[in-house]
């Protein structure tokens, strides 16, 4: 599990001065921080709430554990196992991340774009 306090103590990078690929994904996921995620989300026109953060942390945990960014299917299955009392499906995820849950959430989470995304 990701230690959320660890991200608060990290050196602060801004989205303007951090290395990104041509699509805006971080080149080094270790540079990610909560403040950077907020800045990326703002650029993506997303106002983060607790549901967003749950998905962002889930994606970071998944990536750090398996060294692969979860696809939308992996994301839904993993969240369904974790969220016993909340309904999770692609419709709900698209409401949170309108440009594509796996793509947009991974960008905000500071991890690479999922391989199977167009």
C-alpha atoms as a PDB file:
ATOM      1  CA  UNK A   1       0.000   0.000   0.000  1.00  0.00           C
ATOM      2  CA  UNK A   2       1.235   3.484  -0.819  1.00  0.00           C
ATOM      3  CA  UNK A   3       2.147   5.629   2.186  1.00  0.00           C
ATOM      4  CA  UNK A   4       0.206   8.817   1.469  1.00  0.00           C
ATOM      5  CA  UNK A   5       2.274  10.797   4.000  1.00  0.00           C
ATOM      6  CA  UNK A   6       5.419   9.927   2.045  1.00  0.00           C
ATOM      7  CA  UNK A   7       4.081  11.931  -0.902  1.00  0.00           C
ATOM      8  CA  UNK A   8       3.548  14.982   1.269  1.00  0.00           C
ATOM      9  CA  UNK A   9       7.259  15.017   2.247  1.00  0.00           C
ATOM     10  CA  UNK A  10       8.649  14.725  -1.295  1.00  0.00           C
ATOM     11  CA  UNK A  11      10.411  17.430  -3.227  1.00  0.00           C
ATOM     12  CA  UNK A  12       7.795  19.504  -4.965  1.00  0.00           C
ATOM     13  CA  UNK A  13       7.835  19.376  -8.737  1.00  0.00           C
ATOM     14  CA  UNK A  14       5.522  21.434 -10.851  1.00  0.00           C
ATOM     15  CA  UNK A  15       3.921  20.139 -14.001  1.00  0.00           C
ATOM     16  CA  UNK A  16       5.716  22.793 -16.031  1.00  0.00           C
ATOM     17  CA  UNK A  17       9.220  21.838 -14.868  1.00  0.00           C
ATOM     18  CA  UNK A  18       8.930  18.048 -14.714  1.00  0.00           C
ATOM     19  CA  UNK A  19       9.865  15.683 -17.536  1.00  0.00           C
ATOM     20  CA  UNK A  20       6.849  14.364 -19.427  1.00  0.00           C
ATOM     21  CA  UNK A  21       6.304  12.434 -22.631  1.00  0.00           C
ATOM     22  CA  UNK A  22       4.579  13.950 -25.673  1.00  0.00           C
ATOM     23  CA  UNK A  23       1.138  13.175 -24.184  1.00  0.00           C
ATOM     24  CA  UNK A  24       1.878  14.692 -20.776  1.00  0.00           C
ATOM     25  CA  UNK A  25       2.538  11.503 -18.771  1.00  0.00           C
ATOM     26  CA  UNK A  26       5.365  11.711 -16.229  1.00  0.00           C
ATOM     27  CA  UNK A  27       8.606  10.111 -17.366  1.00  0.00           C
ATOM     28  CA  UNK A  28       9.561   9.250 -13.780  1.00  0.00           C
ATOM     29  CA  UNK A  29       6.686   8.101 -11.577  1.00  0.00           C
ATOM     30  CA  UNK A  30       8.881   8.578  -8.475  1.00  0.00           C
ATOM     31  CA  UNK A  31       8.598  12.364  -8.932  1.00  0.00           C
ATOM     32  CA  UNK A  32       4.852  12.196  -8.341  1.00  0.00           C
ATOM     33  CA  UNK A  33       3.346  13.992  -5.344  1.00  0.00           C
ATOM     34  CA  UNK A  34      -0.113  14.934  -4.161  1.00  0.00           C
ATOM     35  CA  UNK A  35       0.431  18.561  -5.119  1.00  0.00           C
ATOM     36  CA  UNK A  36       1.579  17.521  -8.597  1.00  0.00           C
ATOM     37  CA  UNK A  37      -1.523  15.321  -8.965  1.00  0.00           C
ATOM     38  CA  UNK A  38      -3.713  18.300  -8.063  1.00  0.00           C
ATOM     39  CA  UNK A  39      -1.949  20.415 -10.679  1.00  0.00           C
ATOM     40  CA  UNK A  40      -2.306  17.736 -13.381  1.00  0.00           C
ATOM     41  CA  UNK A  41      -5.988  17.295 -12.493  1.00  0.00           C
ATOM     42  CA  UNK A  42      -6.512  21.038 -12.768  1.00  0.00           C
ATOM     43  CA  UNK A  43      -4.939  20.970 -16.247  1.00  0.00           C
ATOM     44  CA  UNK A  44      -7.313  18.113 -17.085  1.00  0.00           C
ATOM     45  CA  UNK A  45     -10.279  20.181 -15.802  1.00  0.00           C
ATOM     46  CA  UNK A  46     -10.992  17.766 -12.951  1.00  0.00           C
ATOM     47  CA  UNK A  47     -11.794  18.820  -9.392  1.00  0.00           C
ATOM     48  CA  UNK A  48     -10.552  15.908  -7.286  1.00  0.00           C
ATOM     49  CA  UNK A  49     -12.755  14.398  -4.597  1.00  0.00           C
ATOM     50  CA  UNK A  50     -12.411  11.296  -2.398  1.00  0.00           C
ATOM     51  CA  UNK A  51     -13.622   8.980  -5.195  1.00  0.00           C
ATOM     52  CA  UNK A  52     -10.924  10.330  -7.524  1.00  0.00           C
ATOM     53  CA  UNK A  53      -8.244   9.867  -4.874  1.00  0.00           C
ATOM     54  CA  UNK A  54      -9.334   6.296  -4.166  1.00  0.00           C
ATOM     55  CA  UNK A  55      -8.853   5.458  -7.847  1.00  0.00           C
ATOM     56  CA  UNK A  56      -5.570   7.371  -8.107  1.00  0.00           C
ATOM     57  CA  UNK A  57      -4.088   5.569  -5.091  1.00  0.00           C
ATOM     58  CA  UNK A  58      -5.417   2.228  -6.325  1.00  0.00           C
ATOM     59  CA  UNK A  59      -3.722   2.782  -9.682  1.00  0.00           C
ATOM     60  CA  UNK A  60      -0.418   3.774  -8.074  1.00  0.00           C
ATOM     61  CA  UNK A  61      -0.523   0.737  -5.770  1.00  0.00           C
ATOM     62  CA  UNK A  62      -1.292  -1.534  -8.722  1.00  0.00           C
ATOM     63  CA  UNK A  63       1.530  -0.056 -10.800  1.00  0.00           C
ATOM     64  CA  UNK A  64       4.077  -0.271  -7.991  1.00  0.00           C
ATOM     65  CA  UNK A  65       3.079  -3.867  -7.218  1.00  0.00           C
ATOM     66  CA  UNK A  66       2.861  -5.272 -10.773  1.00  0.00           C
ATOM     67  CA  UNK A  67       4.929  -2.742 -12.775  1.00  0.00           C
ATOM     68  CA  UNK A  68       2.082  -2.313 -15.246  1.00  0.00           C
ATOM     69  CA  UNK A  69      -0.616   0.327 -15.517  1.00  0.00           C
ATOM     70  CA  UNK A  70      -4.066  -1.236 -15.105  1.00  0.00           C
ATOM     71  CA  UNK A  71      -6.345  -1.256 -18.133  1.00  0.00           C
ATOM     72  CA  UNK A  72      -9.945  -0.155 -17.688  1.00  0.00           C
ATOM     73  CA  UNK A  73     -10.992  -3.785 -17.193  1.00  0.00           C
ATOM     74  CA  UNK A  74      -8.306  -4.418 -14.549  1.00  0.00           C
ATOM     75  CA  UNK A  75      -9.243  -1.148 -12.884  1.00  0.00           C
ATOM     76  CA  UNK A  76     -12.933  -2.052 -12.640  1.00  0.00           C
ATOM     77  CA  UNK A  77     -12.272  -5.602 -11.401  1.00  0.00           C
ATOM     78  CA  UNK A  78      -9.763  -4.412  -8.801  1.00  0.00           C
ATOM     79  CA  UNK A  79     -12.014  -1.646  -7.529  1.00  0.00           C
ATOM     80  CA  UNK A  80     -15.010  -3.996  -7.376  1.00  0.00           C
ATOM     81  CA  UNK A  81     -13.035  -6.324  -5.104  1.00  0.00           C
ATOM     82  CA  UNK A  82     -11.944  -3.427  -2.910  1.00  0.00           C
ATOM     83  CA  UNK A  83     -15.256  -1.535  -2.727  1.00  0.00           C
ATOM     84  CA  UNK A  84     -17.757  -4.024  -1.325  1.00  0.00           C
ATOM     85  CA  UNK A  85     -20.517  -1.520  -0.629  1.00  0.00           C
ATOM     86  CA  UNK A  86     -20.109   0.812  -3.630  1.00  0.00           C
ATOM     87  CA  UNK A  87     -21.137   0.058  -7.176  1.00  0.00           C
ATOM     88  CA  UNK A  88     -18.287   0.576  -9.617  1.00  0.00           C
ATOM     89  CA  UNK A  89     -18.537   0.327 -13.380  1.00  0.00           C
ATOM     90  CA  UNK A  90     -17.270   2.056 -16.509  1.00  0.00           C
ATOM     91  CA  UNK A  91     -20.142   4.579 -16.478  1.00  0.00           C
ATOM     92  CA  UNK A  92     -19.211   5.761 -12.973  1.00  0.00           C
ATOM     93  CA  UNK A  93     -15.521   5.900 -13.887  1.00  0.00           C
ATOM     94  CA  UNK A  94     -16.210   7.969 -17.016  1.00  0.00           C
ATOM     95  CA  UNK A  95     -18.135  10.458 -14.865  1.00  0.00           C
ATOM     96  CA  UNK A  96     -15.009  10.899 -12.741  1.00  0.00           C
ATOM     97  CA  UNK A  97     -12.506  10.819 -15.632  1.00  0.00           C
ATOM     98  CA  UNK A  98     -14.361  11.905 -18.800  1.00  0.00           C
ATOM     99  CA  UNK A  99     -11.383  11.595 -21.185  1.00  0.00           C
ATOM    100  CA  UNK A 100     -11.031   7.923 -20.286  1.00  0.00           C
ATOM    101  CA  UNK A 101     -10.684   6.478 -16.793  1.00  0.00           C
ATOM    102  CA  UNK A 102      -7.527   4.455 -17.358  1.00  0.00           C
ATOM    103  CA  UNK A 103      -5.762   7.146 -19.388  1.00  0.00           C
ATOM    104  CA  UNK A 104      -6.737  10.234 -17.435  1.00  0.00           C
ATOM    105  CA  UNK A 105      -6.444   8.629 -13.999  1.00  0.00           C
ATOM    106  CA  UNK A 106      -3.016   7.197 -14.820  1.00  0.00           C
ATOM    107  CA  UNK A 107      -1.812  10.623 -15.960  1.00  0.00           C
ATOM    108  CA  UNK A 108      -2.964  12.180 -12.680  1.00  0.00           C
ATOM    109  CA  UNK A 109      -1.504   9.229 -10.745  1.00  0.00           C
ATOM    110  CA  UNK A 110       1.869   9.845 -12.383  1.00  0.00           C
ATOM    111  CA  UNK A 111       2.154   6.427 -13.975  1.00  0.00           C
ATOM    112  CA  UNK A 112       2.532   5.437 -17.653  1.00  0.00           C
ATOM    113  CA  UNK A 113      -0.414   5.335 -20.022  1.00  0.00           C
ATOM    114  CA  UNK A 114      -1.991   1.867 -20.171  1.00  0.00           C
ATOM    115  CA  UNK A 115      -0.527  -0.193 -23.022  1.00  0.00           C
ATOM    116  CA  UNK A 116      -3.864  -1.057 -24.641  1.00  0.00           C
ATOM    117  CA  UNK A 117      -5.068   2.551 -24.860  1.00  0.00           C
ATOM    118  CA  UNK A 118      -5.327   4.261 -28.209  1.00  0.00           C
END
